[in-house]
């Protein structure tokens, strides 16, 4: 980075009015500027995504796979294949209950064994 380059960049995006209202109300409740709240939310989302990818690649945080019948439509976290309500799948069990759930298909589970 050269001395002339700004350390931060501005990112423009379009969002629904309802989402803007929610973000502004939350920022007001937390007593933080909207820009700081949005930046923190984006950083957290990227961090969670990285941790989920690391879990899938290394499987270090997953201590077990629970066989389930889905009640929602989700993609397999490993191969991306759509898993539909009623399909058999497996959910990764971790020591981090706040992390997003990891759902994989039986084919991907077989590759882990």
N, C-alpha and C. Protein backbone atom coordinates (compact mmCIF):
# COMPACT_ATOMS: atom_id res chain seq x y z
N UNK A 1 0.84 -1.17 0.00
CA UNK A 1 0.00 0.00 0.00
C UNK A 1 0.89 1.24 0.00
N UNK A 2 0.60 2.14 -0.90
CA UNK A 2 1.38 3.38 -0.97
C UNK A 2 0.79 4.40 -0.02
N UNK A 3 1.53 5.46 0.22
CA UNK A 3 1.09 6.51 1.14
C UNK A 3 -0.16 7.21 0.64
N UNK A 4 -0.38 7.21 -0.68
CA UNK A 4 -1.54 7.91 -1.24
C UNK A 4 -2.83 7.09 -1.18
N UNK A 5 -2.73 5.78 -1.09
CA UNK A 5 -3.94 4.95 -1.07
C UNK A 5 -4.66 5.08 0.27
N UNK A 6 -5.98 5.23 0.23
CA UNK A 6 -6.72 5.28 1.50
C UNK A 6 -6.71 3.90 2.16
N UNK A 7 -6.75 3.91 3.47
CA UNK A 7 -6.73 2.65 4.20
C UNK A 7 -8.08 1.94 4.14
N UNK A 8 -9.12 2.70 3.96
CA UNK A 8 -10.46 2.13 3.89
C UNK A 8 -11.11 2.50 2.56
N UNK A 9 -12.00 1.66 2.12
CA UNK A 9 -12.73 1.89 0.87
C UNK A 9 -14.22 1.99 1.17
N UNK A 10 -14.93 2.60 0.28
CA UNK A 10 -16.38 2.71 0.38
C UNK A 10 -16.99 1.68 -0.56
N UNK A 11 -17.94 0.92 -0.05
CA UNK A 11 -18.63 -0.10 -0.82
C UNK A 11 -20.11 0.29 -0.89
N UNK A 12 -20.61 0.46 -2.09
CA UNK A 12 -22.01 0.82 -2.27
C UNK A 12 -22.82 -0.44 -2.57
N UNK A 13 -24.00 -0.53 -1.98
CA UNK A 13 -24.87 -1.66 -2.25
C UNK A 13 -26.33 -1.22 -2.12
N UNK A 14 -27.19 -1.92 -2.81
CA UNK A 14 -28.62 -1.63 -2.71
C UNK A 14 -29.23 -2.62 -1.73
N UNK A 15 -30.07 -2.11 -0.82
CA UNK A 15 -30.76 -2.97 0.13
C UNK A 15 -32.22 -2.54 0.20
N UNK A 16 -33.10 -3.45 0.59
CA UNK A 16 -34.51 -3.09 0.74
C UNK A 16 -34.69 -2.06 1.86
N UNK A 17 -35.72 -1.26 1.74
CA UNK A 17 -36.00 -0.22 2.74
C UNK A 17 -36.19 -0.85 4.12
N UNK A 18 -36.88 -1.98 4.17
CA UNK A 18 -37.13 -2.64 5.46
C UNK A 18 -35.82 -3.04 6.14
N UNK A 19 -34.84 -3.52 5.37
CA UNK A 19 -33.55 -3.89 5.94
C UNK A 19 -32.82 -2.66 6.45
N UNK A 20 -32.89 -1.57 5.69
CA UNK A 20 -32.27 -0.33 6.13
C UNK A 20 -32.86 0.12 7.46
N UNK A 21 -34.18 0.04 7.58
CA UNK A 21 -34.84 0.43 8.83
C UNK A 21 -34.37 -0.45 9.99
N UNK A 22 -34.26 -1.75 9.76
CA UNK A 22 -33.81 -2.66 10.81
C UNK A 22 -32.39 -2.34 11.25
N UNK A 23 -31.52 -2.10 10.28
CA UNK A 23 -30.13 -1.78 10.59
C UNK A 23 -30.04 -0.48 11.39
N UNK A 24 -30.78 0.52 10.98
CA UNK A 24 -30.75 1.81 11.68
C UNK A 24 -31.29 1.68 13.11
N UNK A 25 -32.38 0.91 13.29
CA UNK A 25 -32.93 0.71 14.63
C UNK A 25 -31.93 -0.02 15.53
N UNK A 26 -31.29 -1.05 14.96
CA UNK A 26 -30.30 -1.81 15.73
C UNK A 26 -29.11 -0.93 16.11
N UNK A 27 -28.63 -0.14 15.18
CA UNK A 27 -27.51 0.76 15.46
C UNK A 27 -27.88 1.76 16.56
N UNK A 28 -29.09 2.26 16.49
CA UNK A 28 -29.55 3.21 17.51
C UNK A 28 -29.62 2.54 18.88
N UNK A 29 -30.15 1.32 18.91
CA UNK A 29 -30.23 0.58 20.18
C UNK A 29 -28.85 0.29 20.76
N UNK A 30 -27.90 -0.03 19.88
CA UNK A 30 -26.54 -0.34 20.33
C UNK A 30 -25.69 0.91 20.54
N UNK A 31 -26.24 2.06 20.10
CA UNK A 31 -25.54 3.35 20.21
C UNK A 31 -24.21 3.35 19.47
N UNK A 32 -24.26 2.85 18.23
CA UNK A 32 -23.08 2.86 17.36
C UNK A 32 -23.48 3.44 16.01
N UNK A 33 -22.54 4.02 15.29
CA UNK A 33 -22.86 4.51 13.95
C UNK A 33 -23.26 3.35 13.03
N UNK A 34 -24.17 3.63 12.12
CA UNK A 34 -24.63 2.61 11.18
C UNK A 34 -23.46 2.01 10.41
N UNK A 35 -22.53 2.84 9.98
CA UNK A 35 -21.39 2.33 9.20
C UNK A 35 -20.56 1.34 10.01
N UNK A 36 -20.36 1.62 11.30
CA UNK A 36 -19.61 0.68 12.14
C UNK A 36 -20.36 -0.64 12.32
N UNK A 37 -21.67 -0.54 12.52
CA UNK A 37 -22.48 -1.74 12.68
C UNK A 37 -22.41 -2.61 11.42
N UNK A 38 -22.60 -2.00 10.26
CA UNK A 38 -22.57 -2.75 9.00
C UNK A 38 -21.19 -3.37 8.78
N UNK A 39 -20.14 -2.61 9.03
CA UNK A 39 -18.78 -3.13 8.87
C UNK A 39 -18.56 -4.33 9.79
N UNK A 40 -18.98 -4.22 11.05
CA UNK A 40 -18.83 -5.33 12.00
C UNK A 40 -19.64 -6.54 11.58
N UNK A 41 -20.85 -6.32 11.07
CA UNK A 41 -21.68 -7.43 10.62
C UNK A 41 -21.04 -8.14 9.43
N UNK A 42 -20.48 -7.39 8.51
CA UNK A 42 -19.81 -7.99 7.35
C UNK A 42 -18.57 -8.77 7.79
N UNK A 43 -17.79 -8.20 8.69
CA UNK A 43 -16.60 -8.91 9.19
C UNK A 43 -16.99 -10.20 9.89
N UNK A 44 -18.05 -10.15 10.71
CA UNK A 44 -18.51 -11.35 11.40
C UNK A 44 -19.00 -12.42 10.41
N UNK A 45 -19.72 -11.98 9.39
CA UNK A 45 -20.22 -12.93 8.39
C UNK A 45 -19.07 -13.61 7.65
N UNK A 46 -18.05 -12.85 7.32
CA UNK A 46 -16.89 -13.42 6.63
C UNK A 46 -16.15 -14.37 7.56
N UNK A 47 -16.02 -14.00 8.83
CA UNK A 47 -15.33 -14.85 9.80
C UNK A 47 -16.07 -16.18 9.97
N UNK A 48 -17.39 -16.13 10.10
CA UNK A 48 -18.18 -17.36 10.24
C UNK A 48 -18.03 -18.22 8.99
N UNK A 49 -18.07 -17.60 7.82
CA UNK A 49 -17.92 -18.34 6.57
C UNK A 49 -16.55 -19.03 6.52
N UNK A 50 -15.51 -18.33 6.91
CA UNK A 50 -14.17 -18.94 6.92
C UNK A 50 -14.11 -20.10 7.89
N UNK A 51 -14.68 -19.92 9.09
CA UNK A 51 -14.66 -21.01 10.07
C UNK A 51 -15.43 -22.22 9.56
N UNK A 52 -16.57 -21.96 8.89
CA UNK A 52 -17.36 -23.07 8.34
C UNK A 52 -16.54 -23.79 7.28
N UNK A 53 -15.85 -23.06 6.41
CA UNK A 53 -15.02 -23.68 5.37
C UNK A 53 -13.90 -24.48 6.00
N UNK A 54 -13.26 -23.91 7.02
CA UNK A 54 -12.17 -24.62 7.70
C UNK A 54 -12.67 -25.90 8.35
N UNK A 55 -13.87 -25.86 8.92
CA UNK A 55 -14.44 -27.05 9.53
C UNK A 55 -14.67 -28.14 8.49
N UNK A 56 -15.21 -27.73 7.35
CA UNK A 56 -15.51 -28.70 6.30
C UNK A 56 -14.24 -29.30 5.72
N UNK A 57 -13.22 -28.47 5.57
CA UNK A 57 -11.98 -28.96 4.98
C UNK A 57 -11.20 -29.81 5.96
N UNK A 58 -11.12 -29.37 7.20
CA UNK A 58 -10.34 -30.12 8.17
C UNK A 58 -11.19 -30.98 9.08
N UNK A 59 -12.43 -30.56 9.30
CA UNK A 59 -13.31 -31.31 10.17
C UNK A 59 -12.88 -31.30 11.63
N UNK A 60 -11.95 -30.42 11.99
CA UNK A 60 -11.40 -30.42 13.35
C UNK A 60 -12.44 -30.11 14.41
N UNK A 61 -13.35 -29.19 14.14
CA UNK A 61 -14.33 -28.79 15.14
C UNK A 61 -15.55 -29.71 15.20
N UNK A 62 -15.74 -30.54 14.20
CA UNK A 62 -16.88 -31.46 14.19
C UNK A 62 -16.46 -32.72 14.92
N UNK A 63 -17.13 -33.00 16.05
CA UNK A 63 -16.79 -34.20 16.81
C UNK A 63 -17.70 -35.37 16.49
N UNK A 64 -18.74 -35.11 15.69
CA UNK A 64 -19.62 -36.21 15.29
C UNK A 64 -20.63 -35.76 14.26
N UNK A 65 -21.22 -36.75 13.59
CA UNK A 65 -22.25 -36.48 12.58
C UNK A 65 -23.52 -37.18 13.01
N UNK A 66 -24.60 -36.41 13.14
CA UNK A 66 -25.90 -36.95 13.54
C UNK A 66 -26.76 -37.17 12.31
N UNK A 67 -27.26 -38.39 12.15
CA UNK A 67 -28.16 -38.72 11.04
C UNK A 67 -29.51 -38.07 11.32
N UNK A 68 -30.03 -37.32 10.34
CA UNK A 68 -31.31 -36.63 10.53
C UNK A 68 -32.15 -36.74 9.27
N UNK A 69 -33.45 -36.47 9.42
CA UNK A 69 -34.35 -36.27 8.30
C UNK A 69 -34.64 -34.78 8.27
N UNK A 70 -34.32 -34.14 7.15
CA UNK A 70 -34.45 -32.69 7.05
C UNK A 70 -35.90 -32.24 7.06
N UNK A 71 -36.15 -31.11 7.68
CA UNK A 71 -37.45 -30.46 7.65
C UNK A 71 -37.37 -29.14 6.89
N UNK A 72 -36.20 -28.86 6.31
CA UNK A 72 -35.97 -27.66 5.52
C UNK A 72 -35.17 -28.03 4.28
N UNK A 73 -35.16 -27.15 3.30
CA UNK A 73 -34.32 -27.33 2.11
C UNK A 73 -33.00 -26.62 2.36
N UNK A 74 -31.88 -27.34 2.23
CA UNK A 74 -30.55 -26.77 2.41
C UNK A 74 -29.60 -27.42 1.42
N UNK A 75 -28.51 -26.72 1.07
CA UNK A 75 -27.50 -27.38 0.23
C UNK A 75 -26.54 -28.17 1.11
N UNK A 76 -25.95 -29.20 0.55
CA UNK A 76 -24.88 -29.92 1.25
C UNK A 76 -23.73 -28.95 1.41
N UNK A 77 -23.22 -28.83 2.62
CA UNK A 77 -22.14 -27.90 2.89
C UNK A 77 -20.84 -28.30 2.22
N UNK A 78 -20.72 -29.56 1.82
CA UNK A 78 -19.49 -30.02 1.19
C UNK A 78 -19.55 -29.92 -0.33
N UNK A 79 -20.57 -30.53 -0.95
CA UNK A 79 -20.61 -30.59 -2.42
C UNK A 79 -21.60 -29.60 -3.03
N UNK A 80 -22.47 -29.02 -2.21
CA UNK A 80 -23.43 -28.04 -2.71
C UNK A 80 -24.71 -28.63 -3.28
N UNK A 81 -24.82 -29.96 -3.30
CA UNK A 81 -26.03 -30.61 -3.85
C UNK A 81 -27.24 -30.19 -3.01
N UNK A 82 -28.36 -29.85 -3.67
CA UNK A 82 -29.55 -29.47 -2.91
C UNK A 82 -30.10 -30.65 -2.10
N UNK A 83 -30.39 -30.41 -0.85
CA UNK A 83 -31.01 -31.40 0.02
C UNK A 83 -32.40 -30.89 0.34
N UNK A 84 -33.41 -31.69 0.09
CA UNK A 84 -34.79 -31.24 0.24
C UNK A 84 -35.41 -31.74 1.54
N UNK A 85 -36.46 -31.08 1.94
CA UNK A 85 -37.23 -31.50 3.11
C UNK A 85 -37.60 -32.97 2.92
N UNK A 86 -37.38 -33.76 3.94
CA UNK A 86 -37.67 -35.19 3.89
C UNK A 86 -36.46 -36.05 3.54
N UNK A 87 -35.40 -35.42 2.99
CA UNK A 87 -34.17 -36.17 2.67
C UNK A 87 -33.43 -36.55 3.95
N UNK A 88 -32.70 -37.66 3.87
CA UNK A 88 -31.78 -38.04 4.94
C UNK A 88 -30.50 -37.22 4.77
N UNK A 89 -29.96 -36.73 5.84
CA UNK A 89 -28.73 -35.95 5.79
C UNK A 89 -28.02 -36.14 7.13
N UNK A 90 -26.94 -35.40 7.32
CA UNK A 90 -26.16 -35.49 8.55
C UNK A 90 -25.80 -34.07 8.98
N UNK A 91 -25.95 -33.80 10.26
CA UNK A 91 -25.61 -32.48 10.80
C UNK A 91 -24.35 -32.64 11.64
N UNK A 92 -23.40 -31.72 11.44
CA UNK A 92 -22.15 -31.75 12.19
C UNK A 92 -22.35 -31.22 13.59
N UNK A 93 -21.87 -31.96 14.56
CA UNK A 93 -21.96 -31.55 15.96
C UNK A 93 -20.63 -30.93 16.38
N UNK A 94 -20.69 -29.73 16.95
CA UNK A 94 -19.49 -29.01 17.36
C UNK A 94 -19.64 -28.51 18.80
N UNK A 95 -18.55 -28.03 19.36
CA UNK A 95 -18.58 -27.44 20.70
C UNK A 95 -18.95 -25.96 20.64
N UNK A 96 -19.28 -25.47 19.45
CA UNK A 96 -19.59 -24.05 19.26
C UNK A 96 -21.05 -23.92 18.84
N UNK A 97 -21.99 -23.91 19.80
CA UNK A 97 -23.41 -23.88 19.44
C UNK A 97 -23.86 -22.65 18.68
N UNK A 98 -23.11 -21.57 18.73
CA UNK A 98 -23.51 -20.35 18.03
C UNK A 98 -23.11 -20.38 16.56
N UNK A 99 -22.22 -21.29 16.18
CA UNK A 99 -21.84 -21.41 14.78
C UNK A 99 -23.02 -21.93 13.97
N UNK A 100 -23.03 -21.61 12.69
CA UNK A 100 -24.06 -22.13 11.81
C UNK A 100 -23.96 -23.64 11.72
N UNK A 101 -25.05 -24.28 11.41
CA UNK A 101 -25.08 -25.73 11.30
C UNK A 101 -24.47 -26.18 9.98
N UNK A 102 -23.82 -27.33 10.03
CA UNK A 102 -23.20 -27.94 8.86
C UNK A 102 -24.04 -29.15 8.48
N UNK A 103 -24.64 -29.12 7.29
CA UNK A 103 -25.42 -30.25 6.80
C UNK A 103 -24.68 -30.87 5.62
N UNK A 104 -24.51 -32.19 5.64
CA UNK A 104 -23.89 -32.86 4.50
C UNK A 104 -24.73 -34.06 4.07
N UNK A 105 -24.58 -34.42 2.81
CA UNK A 105 -25.29 -35.58 2.26
C UNK A 105 -24.54 -36.86 2.63
N UNK A 106 -25.19 -38.00 2.43
CA UNK A 106 -24.59 -39.29 2.77
C UNK A 106 -23.35 -39.57 1.94
N UNK A 107 -23.33 -39.13 0.69
CA UNK A 107 -22.16 -39.34 -0.16
C UNK A 107 -20.93 -38.66 0.43
N UNK A 108 -21.09 -37.41 0.86
CA UNK A 108 -19.97 -36.67 1.44
C UNK A 108 -19.56 -37.25 2.79
N UNK A 109 -20.51 -37.76 3.56
CA UNK A 109 -20.16 -38.39 4.82
C UNK A 109 -19.30 -39.62 4.56
N UNK A 110 -19.64 -40.39 3.51
CA UNK A 110 -18.84 -41.55 3.16
C UNK A 110 -17.41 -41.20 2.80
N UNK A 111 -17.21 -40.02 2.23
CA UNK A 111 -15.85 -39.58 1.87
C UNK A 111 -15.04 -39.23 3.11
N UNK A 112 -15.71 -38.88 4.22
CA UNK A 112 -15.02 -38.49 5.44
C UNK A 112 -14.60 -39.71 6.25
N UNK A 113 -15.26 -40.84 6.03
CA UNK A 113 -14.98 -42.03 6.83
C UNK A 113 -13.79 -42.78 6.32
